[in-house]
C-alpha atoms as a PDB file:
ATOM      1  CA  MET A   1     -27.583 -25.382  14.182  1.00  0.00           C
ATOM      2  CA  ALA A   2     -25.921 -21.945  14.422  1.00  0.00           C
ATOM      3  CA  LEU A   3     -24.831 -20.164  11.291  1.00  0.00           C
ATOM      4  CA  ALA A   4     -21.159 -19.255  10.919  1.00  0.00           C
ATOM      5  CA  ARG A   5     -20.551 -15.564  11.258  1.00  0.00           C
ATOM      6  CA  THR A   6     -18.784 -13.710   8.431  1.00  0.00           C
ATOM      7  CA  PRO A   7     -15.328 -12.867   9.834  1.00  0.00           C
ATOM      8  CA  ARG A   8     -14.502  -9.218  10.525  1.00  0.00           C
ATOM      9  CA  GLY A   9     -11.565  -9.456   8.131  1.00  0.00           C
ATOM     10  CA  LYS A  10     -13.861 -10.386   5.264  1.00  0.00           C
ATOM     11  CA  TRP A  11     -15.830  -7.210   5.724  1.00  0.00           C
ATOM     12  CA  ILE A  12     -12.637  -5.186   5.712  1.00  0.00           C
ATOM     13  CA  GLU A  13     -11.267  -6.988   2.657  1.00  0.00           C
ATOM     14  CA  GLU A  14     -14.530  -6.512   0.795  1.00  0.00           C
ATOM     15  CA  GLY A  15     -14.469  -2.865   1.814  1.00  0.00           C
ATOM     16  CA  PHE A  16     -11.005  -2.561   0.284  1.00  0.00           C
ATOM     17  CA  ARG A  17     -12.262  -4.053  -2.969  1.00  0.00           C
ATOM     18  CA  ALA A  18     -15.138  -1.575  -3.086  1.00  0.00           C
ATOM     19  CA  LEU A  19     -12.801   1.304  -2.226  1.00  0.00           C
ATOM     20  CA  ALA A  20     -10.325   0.289  -4.919  1.00  0.00           C
ATOM     21  CA  THR A  21     -12.975   0.059  -7.616  1.00  0.00           C
ATOM     22  CA  GLY A  22     -15.221   2.969  -6.713  1.00  0.00           C
ATOM     23  CA  GLY A  23     -13.651   5.114  -4.037  1.00  0.00           C
ATOM     24  CA  PRO A  24     -14.994   5.597  -0.502  1.00  0.00           C
ATOM     25  CA  GLU A  25     -18.489   6.281  -1.879  1.00  0.00           C
ATOM     26  CA  ALA A  26     -18.606   2.673  -3.102  1.00  0.00           C
ATOM     27  CA  VAL A  27     -18.085   1.307   0.418  1.00  0.00           C
ATOM     28  CA  ARG A  28     -21.752   0.690   1.279  1.00  0.00           C
ATOM     29  CA  ILE A  29     -22.906  -1.820   3.838  1.00  0.00           C
ATOM     30  CA  GLU A  30     -25.687  -3.212   1.643  1.00  0.00           C
ATOM     31  CA  SER A  31     -23.412  -3.749  -1.367  1.00  0.00           C
ATOM     32  CA  LEU A  32     -20.686  -5.304   0.796  1.00  0.00           C
ATOM     33  CA  ALA A  33     -23.190  -7.705   2.291  1.00  0.00           C
ATOM     34  CA  ALA A  34     -24.449  -8.632  -1.183  1.00  0.00           C
ATOM     35  CA  SER A  35     -20.887  -9.233  -2.389  1.00  0.00           C
ATOM     36  CA  LEU A  36     -20.226 -11.435   0.609  1.00  0.00           C
ATOM     37  CA  GLY A  37     -23.550 -13.259   0.181  1.00  0.00           C
ATOM     38  CA  VAL A  38     -24.725 -12.416   3.706  1.00  0.00           C
ATOM     39  CA  SER A  39     -27.221 -10.115   5.365  1.00  0.00           C
ATOM     40  CA  LYS A  40     -26.045  -6.695   6.512  1.00  0.00           C
ATOM     41  CA  GLY A  41     -26.961  -7.533  10.116  1.00  0.00           C
ATOM     42  CA  GLY A  42     -23.629  -9.273  10.679  1.00  0.00           C
ATOM     43  CA  PHE A  43     -21.820  -6.051   9.796  1.00  0.00           C
ATOM     44  CA  TYR A  44     -23.114  -4.391  12.935  1.00  0.00           C
ATOM     45  CA  GLY A  45     -21.660  -7.088  15.119  1.00  0.00           C
ATOM     46  CA  TYR A  46     -18.235  -5.705  14.240  1.00  0.00           C
ATOM     47  CA  PHE A  47     -18.749  -2.073  13.253  1.00  0.00           C
ATOM     48  CA  ARG A  48     -20.832   0.714  14.709  1.00  0.00           C
ATOM     49  CA  ASN A  49     -21.417   2.218  11.272  1.00  0.00           C
ATOM     50  CA  ARG A  50     -19.923   2.771   7.810  1.00  0.00           C
ATOM     51  CA  ASP A  51     -17.467   5.369   9.138  1.00  0.00           C
ATOM     52  CA  ALA A  52     -16.090   2.833  11.606  1.00  0.00           C
ATOM     53  CA  LEU A  53     -15.475   0.456   8.699  1.00  0.00           C
ATOM     54  CA  LEU A  54     -13.768   3.175   6.673  1.00  0.00           C
ATOM     55  CA  THR A  55     -11.521   3.924   9.668  1.00  0.00           C
ATOM     56  CA  GLU A  56     -10.702   0.242  10.026  1.00  0.00           C
ATOM     57  CA  ILE A  57      -9.908   0.036   6.316  1.00  0.00           C
ATOM     58  CA  LEU A  58      -7.444   2.925   6.725  1.00  0.00           C
ATOM     59  CA  ASP A  59      -5.979   1.454   9.910  1.00  0.00           C
ATOM     60  CA  THR A  60      -5.453  -1.876   8.231  1.00  0.00           C
ATOM     61  CA  TRP A  61      -3.942  -0.300   5.129  1.00  0.00           C
ATOM     62  CA  GLU A  62      -1.569   1.855   7.173  1.00  0.00           C
ATOM     63  CA  ARG A  63      -0.377  -1.089   9.230  1.00  0.00           C
ATOM     64  CA  GLU A  64       0.008  -3.439   6.237  1.00  0.00           C
ATOM     65  CA  VAL A  65       1.913  -0.968   4.035  1.00  0.00           C
ATOM     66  CA  THR A  66       4.289   0.311   6.701  1.00  0.00           C
ATOM     67  CA  GLU A  67       5.051  -1.756   9.780  1.00  0.00           C
ATOM     68  CA  ALA A  68       4.151  -5.158   8.281  1.00  0.00           C
ATOM     69  CA  VAL A  69       6.306  -4.508   5.212  1.00  0.00           C
ATOM     70  CA  ILE A  70       9.205  -3.229   7.274  1.00  0.00           C
ATOM     71  CA  GLU A  71       8.952  -6.268   9.538  1.00  0.00           C
ATOM     72  CA  ARG A  72       9.045  -8.600   6.501  1.00  0.00           C
ATOM     73  CA  VAL A  73      12.083  -6.789   5.099  1.00  0.00           C
ATOM     74  CA  GLU A  74      13.925  -6.795   8.416  1.00  0.00           C
ATOM     75  CA  ASN A  75      13.127 -10.429   9.169  1.00  0.00           C
ATOM     76  CA  GLY A  76      14.902 -11.452   5.959  1.00  0.00           C
ATOM     77  CA  GLY A  77      18.206 -10.144   7.286  1.00  0.00           C
ATOM     78  CA  GLY A  78      21.144  -9.059   5.183  1.00  0.00           C
ATOM     79  CA  ASP A  79      22.828  -5.711   4.671  1.00  0.00           C
ATOM     80  CA  ALA A  80      20.983  -2.557   3.667  1.00  0.00           C
ATOM     81  CA  ARG A  81      21.254  -3.322  -0.064  1.00  0.00           C
ATOM     82  CA  ALA A  82      19.777  -6.780   0.423  1.00  0.00           C
ATOM     83  CA  ARG A  83      16.945  -5.296   2.485  1.00  0.00           C
ATOM     84  CA  LEU A  84      16.311  -2.672  -0.220  1.00  0.00           C
ATOM     85  CA  VAL A  85      16.120  -5.400  -2.856  1.00  0.00           C
ATOM     86  CA  ARG A  86      13.582  -7.224  -0.673  1.00  0.00           C
ATOM     87  CA  LEU A  87      11.640  -3.985  -0.138  1.00  0.00           C
ATOM     88  CA  PHE A  88      11.508  -3.356  -3.884  1.00  0.00           C
ATOM     89  CA  THR A  89      10.347  -6.894  -4.468  1.00  0.00           C
ATOM     90  CA  ILE A  90       7.594  -6.663  -1.889  1.00  0.00           C
ATOM     91  CA  ALA A  91       6.493  -3.283  -3.205  1.00  0.00           C
ATOM     92  CA  THR A  92       6.042  -4.666  -6.714  1.00  0.00           C
ATOM     93  CA  SER A  93       4.691  -8.107  -5.884  1.00  0.00           C
ATOM     94  CA  GLY A  94       1.197  -7.942  -7.218  1.00  0.00           C
ATOM     95  CA  ASP A  95      -2.021  -6.115  -6.644  1.00  0.00           C
ATOM     96  CA  ARG A  96      -3.424  -7.516  -3.425  1.00  0.00           C
ATOM     97  CA  PRO A  97      -6.676  -6.071  -2.159  1.00  0.00           C
ATOM     98  CA  MET A  98      -5.233  -4.305   0.891  1.00  0.00           C
ATOM     99  CA  THR A  99      -1.675  -3.496  -0.156  1.00  0.00           C
ATOM    100  CA  GLY A 100      -1.550  -3.384  -3.924  1.00  0.00           C
ATOM    101  CA  THR A 101      -1.372  -0.493  -6.336  1.00  0.00           C
ATOM    102  CA  THR A 102      -5.157  -0.307  -6.806  1.00  0.00           C
ATOM    103  CA  ALA A 103      -5.744   0.252  -3.094  1.00  0.00           C
ATOM    104  CA  GLU A 104      -2.824   2.678  -2.909  1.00  0.00           C
ATOM    105  CA  LEU A 105      -4.213   4.801  -5.716  1.00  0.00           C
ATOM    106  CA  ALA A 106      -7.739   4.747  -4.315  1.00  0.00           C
ATOM    107  CA  ILE A 107      -6.482   6.011  -0.959  1.00  0.00           C
ATOM    108  CA  ARG A 108      -4.340   8.667  -2.636  1.00  0.00           C
ATOM    109  CA  GLU A 109      -7.339   9.855  -4.616  1.00  0.00           C
ATOM    110  CA  TRP A 110      -9.496   9.863  -1.472  1.00  0.00           C
ATOM    111  CA  ALA A 111      -6.802  11.910   0.332  1.00  0.00           C
ATOM    112  CA  ARG A 112      -7.218  14.643  -2.291  1.00  0.00           C
ATOM    113  CA  ARG A 113     -10.775  15.223  -1.031  1.00  0.00           C
ATOM    114  CA  ASP A 114     -10.518  14.319   2.653  1.00  0.00           C
ATOM    115  CA  ARG A 115      -8.223  16.153   5.034  1.00  0.00           C
ATOM    116  CA  ALA A 116      -8.043  13.353   7.642  1.00  0.00           C
ATOM    117  CA  VAL A 117      -7.164  10.819   4.965  1.00  0.00           C
ATOM    118  CA  ALA A 118      -4.538  13.229   3.626  1.00  0.00           C
ATOM    119  CA  GLN A 119      -2.959  13.475   7.071  1.00  0.00           C
ATOM    120  CA  ARG A 120      -2.843   9.697   7.361  1.00  0.00           C
ATOM    121  CA  LEU A 121      -1.345   9.397   3.862  1.00  0.00           C
ATOM    122  CA  ARG A 122       1.359  11.907   4.836  1.00  0.00           C
ATOM    123  CA  ARG A 123       2.143   9.812   7.909  1.00  0.00           C
ATOM    124  CA  VAL A 124       2.452   6.647   5.735  1.00  0.00           C
ATOM    125  CA  ASP A 125       4.596   8.408   3.171  1.00  0.00           C
ATOM    126  CA  ASN A 126       6.828   9.808   5.863  1.00  0.00           C
ATOM    127  CA  ARG A 127       7.206   6.427   7.571  1.00  0.00           C
ATOM    128  CA  ARG A 128       8.115   4.765   4.266  1.00  0.00           C
ATOM    129  CA  MET A 129      10.593   7.505   3.341  1.00  0.00           C
ATOM    130  CA  ASP A 130      12.185   7.413   6.794  1.00  0.00           C
ATOM    131  CA  TYR A 131      12.704   3.681   6.491  1.00  0.00           C
ATOM    132  CA  MET A 132      14.302   4.042   3.065  1.00  0.00           C
ATOM    133  CA  ARG A 133      16.488   6.863   4.353  1.00  0.00           C
ATOM    134  CA  SER A 134      17.789   4.545   7.066  1.00  0.00           C
ATOM    135  CA  LEU A 135      18.656   1.911   4.488  1.00  0.00           C
ATOM    136  CA  PHE A 136      20.166   4.129   1.796  1.00  0.00           C
ATOM    137  CA  GLY A 137      21.938   6.152   4.510  1.00  0.00           C
ATOM    138  CA  SER A 138      23.860   3.083   5.621  1.00  0.00           C
ATOM    139  CA  PHE A 139      25.853   3.051   2.379  1.00  0.00           C
ATOM    140  CA  CYS A 140      25.465   6.615   1.067  1.00  0.00           C
ATOM    141  CA  SER A 141      27.224   9.291   3.070  1.00  0.00           C
ATOM    142  CA  ASP A 142      25.755  12.250   1.216  1.00  0.00           C
ATOM    143  CA  PRO A 143      22.317  13.221   2.635  1.00  0.00           C
ATOM    144  CA  ASP A 144      21.352  14.769  -0.710  1.00  0.00           C
ATOM    145  CA  ASP A 145      22.142  11.506  -2.477  1.00  0.00           C
ATOM    146  CA  VAL A 146      20.088   9.582   0.100  1.00  0.00           C
ATOM    147  CA  GLU A 147      17.119  11.898  -0.357  1.00  0.00           C
ATOM    148  CA  ALA A 148      17.300  11.700  -4.161  1.00  0.00           C
ATOM    149  CA  ARG A 149      17.446   7.899  -4.122  1.00  0.00           C
ATOM    150  CA  CYS A 150      14.505   7.720  -1.739  1.00  0.00           C
ATOM    151  CA  LEU A 151      12.359  10.059  -3.802  1.00  0.00           C
ATOM    152  CA  ILE A 152      13.213   8.206  -7.077  1.00  0.00           C
ATOM    153  CA  ALA A 153      12.496   4.805  -5.539  1.00  0.00           C
ATOM    154  CA  TYR A 154       9.237   5.999  -3.980  1.00  0.00           C
ATOM    155  CA  SER A 155       8.073   7.894  -7.070  1.00  0.00           C
ATOM    156  CA  LEU A 156       8.704   4.784  -9.081  1.00  0.00           C
ATOM    157  CA  ARG A 157       6.551   2.744  -6.685  1.00  0.00           C
ATOM    158  CA  ILE A 158       3.684   5.197  -6.852  1.00  0.00           C
ATOM    159  CA  GLY A 159       3.887   6.332 -10.459  1.00  0.00           C
ATOM    160  CA  ASP A 160       5.306   3.468 -12.563  1.00  0.00           C
ATOM    161  CA  HIS A 161       1.882   2.278 -13.755  1.00  0.00           C
ATOM    162  CA  PHE A 162       1.049   5.784 -15.034  1.00  0.00           C
ATOM    163  CA  ILE A 163       3.965   5.787 -17.460  1.00  0.00           C
ATOM    164  CA  ALA A 164       3.100   4.427 -20.905  1.00  0.00           C
ATOM    165  CA  ALA A 165       6.424   5.131 -22.571  1.00  0.00           C
ATOM    166  CA  ASP A 166       8.332   2.602 -24.583  1.00  0.00           C
ATOM    167  CA  HIS A 167      11.944   1.943 -23.658  1.00  0.00           C
ATOM    168  CA  GLY A 168      13.561   1.335 -27.037  1.00  0.00           C
ATOM    169  CA  VAL A 169      15.012  -2.137 -27.195  1.00  0.00           C
ATOM    170  CA  ARG A 170      14.514  -2.707 -23.464  1.00  0.00           C
ATOM    171  CA  SER A 171      11.405  -4.069 -21.791  1.00  0.00           C
ATOM    172  CA  ARG A 172       9.815  -2.272 -18.863  1.00  0.00           C
ATOM    173  CA  SER A 173      11.096  -4.981 -16.480  1.00  0.00           C
ATOM    174  CA  GLU A 174      14.643  -4.517 -17.833  1.00  0.00           C
ATOM    175  CA  VAL A 175      14.453  -0.753 -17.239  1.00  0.00           C
ATOM    176  CA  LEU A 176      13.092  -1.311 -13.729  1.00  0.00           C
ATOM    177  CA  GLU A 177      16.001  -3.679 -13.023  1.00  0.00           C
ATOM    178  CA  LEU A 178      18.472  -1.084 -14.350  1.00  0.00           C
ATOM    179  CA  THR A 179      16.872   1.512 -12.118  1.00  0.00           C
ATOM    180  CA  SER A 180      17.147  -0.721  -9.069  1.00  0.00           C
ATOM    181  CA  THR A 181      20.769  -1.478  -9.837  1.00  0.00           C
ATOM    182  CA  TRP A 182      21.500   2.234 -10.222  1.00  0.00           C
ATOM    183  CA  LEU A 183      19.767   3.059  -6.944  1.00  0.00           C
ATOM    184  CA  LEU A 184      21.783   0.430  -5.080  1.00  0.00           C
ATOM    185  CA  ARG A 185      25.185   1.433  -6.425  1.00  0.00           C
END
C-alpha cells in the first residue's frame, strides 16, 4: 500500500508558520518535516532546496495579499465605499498563517535585511496602495485627500497592533470604526 504524499501546500503553510515565529532562519527542512510528522525526503519532491521553498512562500504571500484579496473585494460588488468596507474587513479578519498580521510582520522584518525581499515588499505595498487609490479616487476628487486616506488606512493595517494606547471611554474597536467612517466620508 502506497503512503500518501504530504501536499505541497502543507510544506508552504508550515514554512509560513516557521517564518512567522522565527524569521527566515527558522524555515528549515528538517524542522518543517518534524512539524508535519513526515520525513524530509518528501520535501525534495516539490522543492529543489530551501531557497526554492522561501521563494514559493513569498510568491504565495504576494498573490494572497494582493490579487486574491482584490478579487474577493471586487467579486462582492457594490460601490467604492462598499468595496473599501469589505477590504477593511478582510484586512482585519484574523491572523491566518499566510495572510495575517504575523506573516506580514515577519516578511517586513525580513525585508529589512534582504534586498530582494524588500523589492518584493515594495511591489506589494505599491499594488495595495494603487488599489486603494482607485477606490478612494472614485469619490474623492482631491488627489492629496486620496493619498492621505490611503496612507492612513494602510498605516492602520500595518501598525495598529503596535499601538498600546488607551482611547478614553472608547474601546479600540470603536475607535477603529470611527476611523473607517471618517475615511469613507
